Amino acid sequence: MQTLCPDSVLLIFCKAPIPGQVKTRLQPALSAEQAAAAHRQLTYMTLDRAFQQPLCAVELHCAPDASHNFFQDCARRFPLTFKVQHGADLGERMHRAFADALGRYRHALLMGCDCPSLSSDDLLRALTVLREGHDAVIAPADDGGYVMIGLNEIQPRLFSDMSWGHDQVMATTRSRAKDIGLNLYELDSQWDVDTYSDWLRYSAMRHTRMEAGIQCHGWWASNHP
């Protein structure tokens, strides 16, 4: 498969959609089963976006492993490869994913699977600035975190001893990047689906897009019916 950025890779972190273990902050407005279904829908949305243009190689980094039927279905729908997350906390898992990816590619982006506002063009822009010489790229989140980060070299200090889920994650990351001396490029702020109000916002956006006849499927689907 020819891509626009053959020297780059997109790493997507995703948990198996096990009721009671994913999107728990959508409960009790949604049941555990409904929250798991929401997680599946958001993941498909993310993969659709990742393949809307032929950007780069895409890896789905699964937790706790890649054996769940949902992951197998993702592989049937999209030309992705599986990796398994390793590490005691999110920071260690992210660092290990980058260390592995940057041993095989010159540039790597890492994101979650629940950010409806992050577009295919945003991903292309992030890859472009890395290839143009920025040390790192990041997409801040409205809640004080971030939804995507990209690197050209491993940077352990960005991920160690971090209080994940805190509203100062982006500010701390920005400060650490400055201390290290990284040339950091920031995309526009994004929003992700953490709470029930976020889910309602996403559902309304999706309904509007469907009413407007906007197709979710991009380059991959149109070239591989």
C-alpha atoms as a PDB file:
ATOM      1  CA  MET A   1       0.000   0.000   0.000  1.00  0.00           C
ATOM      2  CA  GLN A   2       1.526   3.332  -1.069  1.00  0.00           C
ATOM      3  CA  THR A   3       1.193   6.105   1.505  1.00  0.00           C
ATOM      4  CA  LEU A   4       1.924   9.814   1.652  1.00  0.00           C
ATOM      5  CA  CYS A   5       4.374   9.352   4.546  1.00  0.00           C
ATOM      6  CA  PRO A   6       6.059   5.951   4.196  1.00  0.00           C
ATOM      7  CA  ASP A   7       8.642   6.889   6.844  1.00  0.00           C
ATOM      8  CA  SER A   8       5.920   7.421   9.471  1.00  0.00           C
ATOM      9  CA  VAL A   9       3.505   5.402  11.598  1.00  0.00           C
ATOM     10  CA  LEU A  10       0.278   6.156  13.468  1.00  0.00           C
ATOM     11  CA  LEU A  11      -0.144   4.347  16.781  1.00  0.00           C
ATOM     12  CA  ILE A  12      -3.718   4.091  18.061  1.00  0.00           C
ATOM     13  CA  PHE A  13      -4.198   3.010  21.680  1.00  0.00           C
ATOM     14  CA  CYS A  14      -7.364   0.994  22.247  1.00  0.00           C
ATOM     15  CA  LYS A  15      -8.782  -1.125  25.053  1.00  0.00           C
ATOM     16  CA  ALA A  16     -10.901  -4.207  24.411  1.00  0.00           C
ATOM     17  CA  PRO A  17     -14.596  -3.192  24.671  1.00  0.00           C
ATOM     18  CA  ILE A  18     -15.311  -5.136  27.851  1.00  0.00           C
ATOM     19  CA  PRO A  19     -18.418  -3.841  29.673  1.00  0.00           C
ATOM     20  CA  GLY A  20     -17.491  -2.186  32.929  1.00  0.00           C
ATOM     21  CA  GLN A  21     -13.876  -1.601  31.840  1.00  0.00           C
ATOM     22  CA  VAL A  22     -14.233   1.059  29.132  1.00  0.00           C
ATOM     23  CA  LYS A  23     -15.908   4.472  29.067  1.00  0.00           C
ATOM     24  CA  THR A  24     -16.947   4.071  32.697  1.00  0.00           C
ATOM     25  CA  ARG A  25     -17.532   7.825  33.028  1.00  0.00           C
ATOM     26  CA  LEU A  26     -20.474   7.470  30.631  1.00  0.00           C
ATOM     27  CA  GLN A  27     -22.168   5.464  33.373  1.00  0.00           C
ATOM     28  CA  PRO A  28     -24.733   5.474  34.891  1.00  0.00           C
ATOM     29  CA  ALA A  29     -26.328   7.546  32.107  1.00  0.00           C
ATOM     30  CA  LEU A  30     -25.420   4.605  29.870  1.00  0.00           C
ATOM     31  CA  SER A  31     -25.303   0.997  30.993  1.00  0.00           C
ATOM     32  CA  ALA A  32     -21.976  -0.817  31.015  1.00  0.00           C
ATOM     33  CA  GLU A  33     -22.984  -2.579  27.789  1.00  0.00           C
ATOM     34  CA  GLN A  34     -24.005   0.700  26.142  1.00  0.00           C
ATOM     35  CA  ALA A  35     -20.731   2.329  27.207  1.00  0.00           C
ATOM     36  CA  ALA A  36     -18.812  -0.561  25.636  1.00  0.00           C
ATOM     37  CA  ALA A  37     -20.864  -0.126  22.442  1.00  0.00           C
ATOM     38  CA  ALA A  38     -19.994   3.587  22.486  1.00  0.00           C
ATOM     39  CA  HIS A  39     -16.320   2.664  22.756  1.00  0.00           C
ATOM     40  CA  ARG A  40     -16.629   0.374  19.733  1.00  0.00           C
ATOM     41  CA  GLN A  41     -18.357   3.095  17.705  1.00  0.00           C
ATOM     42  CA  LEU A  42     -15.702   5.661  18.592  1.00  0.00           C
ATOM     43  CA  THR A  43     -12.940   3.245  17.637  1.00  0.00           C
ATOM     44  CA  TYR A  44     -14.471   2.610  14.224  1.00  0.00           C
ATOM     45  CA  MET A  45     -14.775   6.382  13.785  1.00  0.00           C
ATOM     46  CA  THR A  46     -11.093   6.798  14.633  1.00  0.00           C
ATOM     47  CA  LEU A  47      -9.992   4.085  12.225  1.00  0.00           C
ATOM     48  CA  ASP A  48     -12.187   5.545   9.492  1.00  0.00           C
ATOM     49  CA  ARG A  49     -10.383   8.849   9.997  1.00  0.00           C
ATOM     50  CA  ALA A  50      -6.961   7.227  10.058  1.00  0.00           C
ATOM     51  CA  PHE A  51      -7.632   5.714   6.633  1.00  0.00           C
ATOM     52  CA  GLN A  52      -9.533   8.651   5.141  1.00  0.00           C
ATOM     53  CA  GLN A  53      -6.303   9.475   3.309  1.00  0.00           C
ATOM     54  CA  PRO A  54      -3.419   7.086   2.573  1.00  0.00           C
ATOM     55  CA  LEU A  55      -1.306   8.741   5.269  1.00  0.00           C
ATOM     56  CA  CYS A  56       1.044   6.127   6.714  1.00  0.00           C
ATOM     57  CA  ALA A  57       1.200   2.723   8.356  1.00  0.00           C
ATOM     58  CA  VAL A  58      -1.364   2.284  11.143  1.00  0.00           C
ATOM     59  CA  GLU A  59      -0.897   0.135  14.241  1.00  0.00           C
ATOM     60  CA  LEU A  60      -3.636  -0.668  16.737  1.00  0.00           C
ATOM     61  CA  HIS A  61      -2.056  -0.981  20.175  1.00  0.00           C
ATOM     62  CA  CYS A  62      -4.400  -3.266  22.075  1.00  0.00           C
ATOM     63  CA  ALA A  63      -5.020  -3.814  25.772  1.00  0.00           C
ATOM     64  CA  PRO A  64      -4.911  -6.199  27.466  1.00  0.00           C
ATOM     65  CA  ASP A  65      -4.021  -8.124  24.273  1.00  0.00           C
ATOM     66  CA  ALA A  66      -5.219  -8.499  20.687  1.00  0.00           C
ATOM     67  CA  SER A  67      -7.352 -11.614  21.147  1.00  0.00           C
ATOM     68  CA  HIS A  68     -10.748  -9.934  21.543  1.00  0.00           C
ATOM     69  CA  ASN A  69     -13.153 -10.490  18.632  1.00  0.00           C
ATOM     70  CA  PHE A  70     -13.568  -6.739  18.255  1.00  0.00           C
ATOM     71  CA  PHE A  71      -9.915  -6.325  17.340  1.00  0.00           C
ATOM     72  CA  GLN A  72     -10.192  -9.121  14.801  1.00  0.00           C
ATOM     73  CA  ASP A  73     -13.141  -7.307  13.238  1.00  0.00           C
ATOM     74  CA  CYS A  74     -11.084  -4.110  13.041  1.00  0.00           C
ATOM     75  CA  ALA A  75      -8.386  -6.027  11.166  1.00  0.00           C
ATOM     76  CA  ARG A  76     -10.991  -7.343   8.713  1.00  0.00           C
ATOM     77  CA  ARG A  77     -12.192  -3.809   8.008  1.00  0.00           C
ATOM     78  CA  PHE A  78      -8.861  -1.995   7.825  1.00  0.00           C
ATOM     79  CA  PRO A  79      -5.261  -2.819   6.756  1.00  0.00           C
ATOM     80  CA  LEU A  80      -3.772  -2.293  10.199  1.00  0.00           C
ATOM     81  CA  THR A  81      -1.330  -4.298  12.262  1.00  0.00           C
ATOM     82  CA  PHE A  82      -1.603  -5.236  15.932  1.00  0.00           C
ATOM     83  CA  LYS A  83       0.661  -4.380  18.815  1.00  0.00           C
ATOM     84  CA  VAL A  84       0.081  -5.077  22.499  1.00  0.00           C
ATOM     85  CA  GLN A  85       0.466  -2.339  25.105  1.00  0.00           C
ATOM     86  CA  HIS A  86       3.124  -2.991  27.755  1.00  0.00           C
ATOM     87  CA  GLY A  87       3.774  -1.021  30.914  1.00  0.00           C
ATOM     88  CA  ALA A  88       2.611  -0.343  34.449  1.00  0.00           C
ATOM     89  CA  ASP A  89       0.844   2.925  33.639  1.00  0.00           C
ATOM     90  CA  LEU A  90      -0.186   4.978  30.619  1.00  0.00           C
ATOM     91  CA  GLY A  91       3.091   6.891  30.527  1.00  0.00           C
ATOM     92  CA  GLU A  92       5.193   3.743  30.417  1.00  0.00           C
ATOM     93  CA  ARG A  93       2.948   2.194  27.780  1.00  0.00           C
ATOM     94  CA  MET A  94       3.225   5.311  25.601  1.00  0.00           C
ATOM     95  CA  HIS A  95       7.006   5.500  26.019  1.00  0.00           C
ATOM     96  CA  ARG A  96       7.421   1.824  25.128  1.00  0.00           C
ATOM     97  CA  ALA A  97       5.199   2.207  22.079  1.00  0.00           C
ATOM     98  CA  PHE A  98       7.299   5.129  20.842  1.00  0.00           C
ATOM     99  CA  ALA A  99      10.569   3.304  21.566  1.00  0.00           C
ATOM    100  CA  ASP A 100       9.407   0.366  19.470  1.00  0.00           C
ATOM    101  CA  ALA A 101       7.947   2.466  16.648  1.00  0.00           C
ATOM    102  CA  LEU A 102      10.905   4.842  16.334  1.00  0.00           C
ATOM    103  CA  GLY A 103      13.190   1.861  15.986  1.00  0.00           C
ATOM    104  CA  ARG A 104      11.341   1.096  12.749  1.00  0.00           C
ATOM    105  CA  TYR A 105      10.144   4.504  11.489  1.00  0.00           C
ATOM    106  CA  ARG A 106      11.574   8.035  11.474  1.00  0.00           C
ATOM    107  CA  HIS A 107       8.363   9.660  12.738  1.00  0.00           C
ATOM    108  CA  ALA A 108       5.521   8.402  14.949  1.00  0.00           C
ATOM    109  CA  LEU A 109       2.149   9.762  16.054  1.00  0.00           C
ATOM    110  CA  LEU A 110       0.261   8.322  19.016  1.00  0.00           C
ATOM    111  CA  MET A 111      -3.410   8.925  19.771  1.00  0.00           C
ATOM    112  CA  GLY A 112      -6.381   7.409  21.547  1.00  0.00           C
ATOM    113  CA  CYS A 113      -9.623   6.327  19.943  1.00  0.00           C
ATOM    114  CA  ASP A 114     -12.175   8.814  21.274  1.00  0.00           C
ATOM    115  CA  CYS A 115     -11.469  12.227  19.725  1.00  0.00           C
ATOM    116  CA  PRO A 116     -14.162  13.162  17.165  1.00  0.00           C
ATOM    117  CA  SER A 117     -12.680  16.602  16.452  1.00  0.00           C
ATOM    118  CA  LEU A 118      -9.284  15.368  15.263  1.00  0.00           C
ATOM    119  CA  SER A 119      -9.529  15.230  11.479  1.00  0.00           C
ATOM    120  CA  SER A 120      -7.591  13.408   8.801  1.00  0.00           C
ATOM    121  CA  ASP A 121      -6.122  16.760   7.780  1.00  0.00           C
ATOM    122  CA  ASP A 122      -4.932  17.269  11.374  1.00  0.00           C
ATOM    123  CA  LEU A 123      -3.109  13.951  11.195  1.00  0.00           C
ATOM    124  CA  LEU A 124      -1.521  14.923   7.889  1.00  0.00           C
ATOM    125  CA  ARG A 125      -0.477  18.288   9.326  1.00  0.00           C
ATOM    126  CA  ALA A 126       1.081  16.580  12.342  1.00  0.00           C
ATOM    127  CA  LEU A 127       3.077  14.217  10.151  1.00  0.00           C
ATOM    128  CA  THR A 128       4.142  17.081   7.901  1.00  0.00           C
ATOM    129  CA  VAL A 129       5.562  19.229  10.721  1.00  0.00           C
ATOM    130  CA  LEU A 130       7.514  16.253  12.069  1.00  0.00           C
ATOM    131  CA  ARG A 131       8.956  15.607   8.636  1.00  0.00           C
ATOM    132  CA  GLU A 132       9.789  19.310   8.260  1.00  0.00           C
ATOM    133  CA  GLY A 133      11.975  19.242  11.359  1.00  0.00           C
ATOM    134  CA  HIS A 134       9.892  19.866  14.467  1.00  0.00           C
ATOM    135  CA  ASP A 135      10.990  17.609  17.336  1.00  0.00           C
ATOM    136  CA  ALA A 136       7.442  17.002  18.531  1.00  0.00           C
ATOM    137  CA  VAL A 137       3.826  17.770  17.717  1.00  0.00           C
ATOM    138  CA  ILE A 138       0.851  17.712  20.054  1.00  0.00           C
ATOM    139  CA  ALA A 139      -2.895  18.252  19.946  1.00  0.00           C
ATOM    140  CA  PRO A 140      -4.078  19.799  23.228  1.00  0.00           C
ATOM    141  CA  ALA A 141      -7.468  18.866  24.643  1.00  0.00           C
ATOM    142  CA  ASP A 142     -10.040  21.274  26.040  1.00  0.00           C
ATOM    143  CA  ASP A 143      -9.956  19.417  29.378  1.00  0.00           C
ATOM    144  CA  GLY A 144      -6.280  20.186  29.993  1.00  0.00           C
ATOM    145  CA  GLY A 145      -4.825  16.981  28.581  1.00  0.00           C
ATOM    146  CA  TYR A 146      -3.904  16.112  25.025  1.00  0.00           C
ATOM    147  CA  VAL A 147      -5.376  13.762  22.431  1.00  0.00           C
ATOM    148  CA  MET A 148      -2.345  13.123  20.230  1.00  0.00           C
ATOM    149  CA  ILE A 149       1.419  13.428  20.407  1.00  0.00           C
ATOM    150  CA  GLY A 150       4.077  12.840  17.788  1.00  0.00           C
ATOM    151  CA  LEU A 151       7.849  12.446  18.067  1.00  0.00           C
ATOM    152  CA  ASN A 152      10.971  11.963  15.971  1.00  0.00           C
ATOM    153  CA  GLU A 153      13.020  10.602  18.878  1.00  0.00           C
ATOM    154  CA  ILE A 154      12.038   8.940  22.140  1.00  0.00           C
ATOM    155  CA  GLN A 155      11.534  11.415  24.993  1.00  0.00           C
ATOM    156  CA  PRO A 156      11.116   9.525  28.295  1.00  0.00           C
ATOM    157  CA  ARG A 157      10.727  12.715  30.341  1.00  0.00           C
ATOM    158  CA  LEU A 158       7.447  13.530  28.611  1.00  0.00           C
ATOM    159  CA  PHE A 159       5.848  10.378  29.998  1.00  0.00           C
ATOM    160  CA  SER A 160       7.470   9.554  33.340  1.00  0.00           C
ATOM    161  CA  ASP A 161       6.028  10.547  36.744  1.00  0.00           C
ATOM    162  CA  MET A 162       2.936  12.088  35.156  1.00  0.00           C
ATOM    163  CA  SER A 163      -0.446  12.301  36.895  1.00  0.00           C
ATOM    164  CA  TRP A 164      -2.556  11.123  33.961  1.00  0.00           C
ATOM    165  CA  GLY A 165      -6.169  12.259  33.834  1.00  0.00           C
ATOM    166  CA  HIS A 166      -5.271  15.508  35.602  1.00  0.00           C
ATOM    167  CA  ASP A 167      -6.181  18.864  34.049  1.00  0.00           C
ATOM    168  CA  GLN A 168      -2.513  19.943  34.070  1.00  0.00           C
ATOM    169  CA  VAL A 169      -1.194  17.187  31.793  1.00  0.00           C
ATOM    170  CA  MET A 170      -0.853  19.493  28.781  1.00  0.00           C
ATOM    171  CA  ALA A 171       0.704  22.314  30.823  1.00  0.00           C
ATOM    172  CA  THR A 172       3.203  19.907  32.391  1.00  0.00           C
ATOM    173  CA  THR A 173       4.044  18.360  29.019  1.00  0.00           C
ATOM    174  CA  ARG A 174       4.542  21.804  27.480  1.00  0.00           C
ATOM    175  CA  SER A 175       6.826  22.807  30.364  1.00  0.00           C
ATOM    176  CA  ARG A 176       8.878  19.617  30.119  1.00  0.00           C
ATOM    177  CA  ALA A 177       9.250  20.002  26.359  1.00  0.00           C
ATOM    178  CA  LYS A 178      10.585  23.518  26.896  1.00  0.00           C
ATOM    179  CA  ASP A 179      13.038  22.310  29.562  1.00  0.00           C
ATOM    180  CA  ILE A 180      14.316  19.580  27.239  1.00  0.00           C
ATOM    181  CA  GLY A 181      14.677  22.114  24.435  1.00  0.00           C
ATOM    182  CA  LEU A 182      12.203  20.503  22.062  1.00  0.00           C
ATOM    183  CA  ASN A 183      10.839  22.413  19.108  1.00  0.00           C
ATOM    184  CA  LEU A 184       7.170  21.648  19.842  1.00  0.00           C
ATOM    185  CA  TYR A 185       4.371  22.334  17.366  1.00  0.00           C
ATOM    186  CA  GLU A 186       0.838  22.608  18.760  1.00  0.00           C
ATOM    187  CA  LEU A 187      -2.289  21.917  16.739  1.00  0.00           C
ATOM    188  CA  ASP A 188      -5.607  23.556  17.596  1.00  0.00           C
ATOM    189  CA  SER A 189      -7.285  22.412  20.798  1.00  0.00           C
ATOM    190  CA  GLN A 190      -9.533  19.344  20.456  1.00  0.00           C
ATOM    191  CA  TRP A 191     -12.259  17.641  22.469  1.00  0.00           C
ATOM    192  CA  ASP A 192     -12.682  13.976  23.281  1.00  0.00           C
ATOM    193  CA  VAL A 193     -15.470  11.810  24.653  1.00  0.00           C
ATOM    194  CA  ASP A 194     -15.003  11.297  28.371  1.00  0.00           C
ATOM    195  CA  THR A 195     -18.335  12.250  29.934  1.00  0.00           C
ATOM    196  CA  TYR A 196     -21.983  11.735  29.034  1.00  0.00           C
ATOM    197  CA  SER A 197     -22.251  15.362  27.847  1.00  0.00           C
ATOM    198  CA  ASP A 198     -19.319  14.657  25.509  1.00  0.00           C
ATOM    199  CA  TRP A 199     -21.148  11.601  24.204  1.00  0.00           C
ATOM    200  CA  LEU A 200     -24.265  13.682  23.513  1.00  0.00           C
ATOM    201  CA  ARG A 201     -22.110  16.221  21.662  1.00  0.00           C
ATOM    202  CA  TYR A 202     -20.579  13.464  19.534  1.00  0.00           C
ATOM    203  CA  SER A 203     -23.977  11.863  18.871  1.00  0.00           C
ATOM    204  CA  ALA A 204     -25.404  15.199  17.700  1.00  0.00           C
ATOM    205  CA  MET A 205     -22.383  15.786  15.445  1.00  0.00           C
ATOM    206  CA  ARG A 206     -22.687  12.304  13.969  1.00  0.00           C
ATOM    207  CA  HIS A 207     -26.431  12.757  13.367  1.00  0.00           C
ATOM    208  CA  THR A 208     -25.822  16.086  11.617  1.00  0.00           C
ATOM    209  CA  ARG A 209     -23.163  14.541   9.385  1.00  0.00           C
ATOM    210  CA  MET A 210     -25.444  11.636   8.491  1.00  0.00           C
ATOM    211  CA  GLU A 211     -28.334  14.000   7.676  1.00  0.00           C
ATOM    212  CA  ALA A 212     -25.992  16.006   5.450  1.00  0.00           C
ATOM    213  CA  GLY A 213     -25.037  12.813   3.657  1.00  0.00           C
ATOM    214  CA  ILE A 214     -21.385  13.060   4.629  1.00  0.00           C
ATOM    215  CA  GLN A 215     -19.758   9.693   4.146  1.00  0.00           C
ATOM    216  CA  CYS A 216     -17.695   8.378   7.036  1.00  0.00           C
ATOM    217  CA  HIS A 217     -15.652   6.060   4.878  1.00  0.00           C
ATOM    218  CA  GLY A 218     -12.659   7.546   3.136  1.00  0.00           C
ATOM    219  CA  TRP A 219      -9.845   6.517   0.848  1.00  0.00           C
ATOM    220  CA  TRP A 220      -9.504   2.915   2.046  1.00  0.00           C
ATOM    221  CA  ALA A 221     -13.208   2.057   1.794  1.00  0.00           C
ATOM    222  CA  SER A 222     -13.646   3.727  -1.591  1.00  0.00           C
ATOM    223  CA  ASN A 223     -10.663   1.864  -3.037  1.00  0.00           C
ATOM    224  CA  HIS A 224     -11.521  -1.482  -1.411  1.00  0.00           C
ATOM    225  CA  PRO A 225     -15.290  -2.110  -1.615  1.00  0.00           C
END
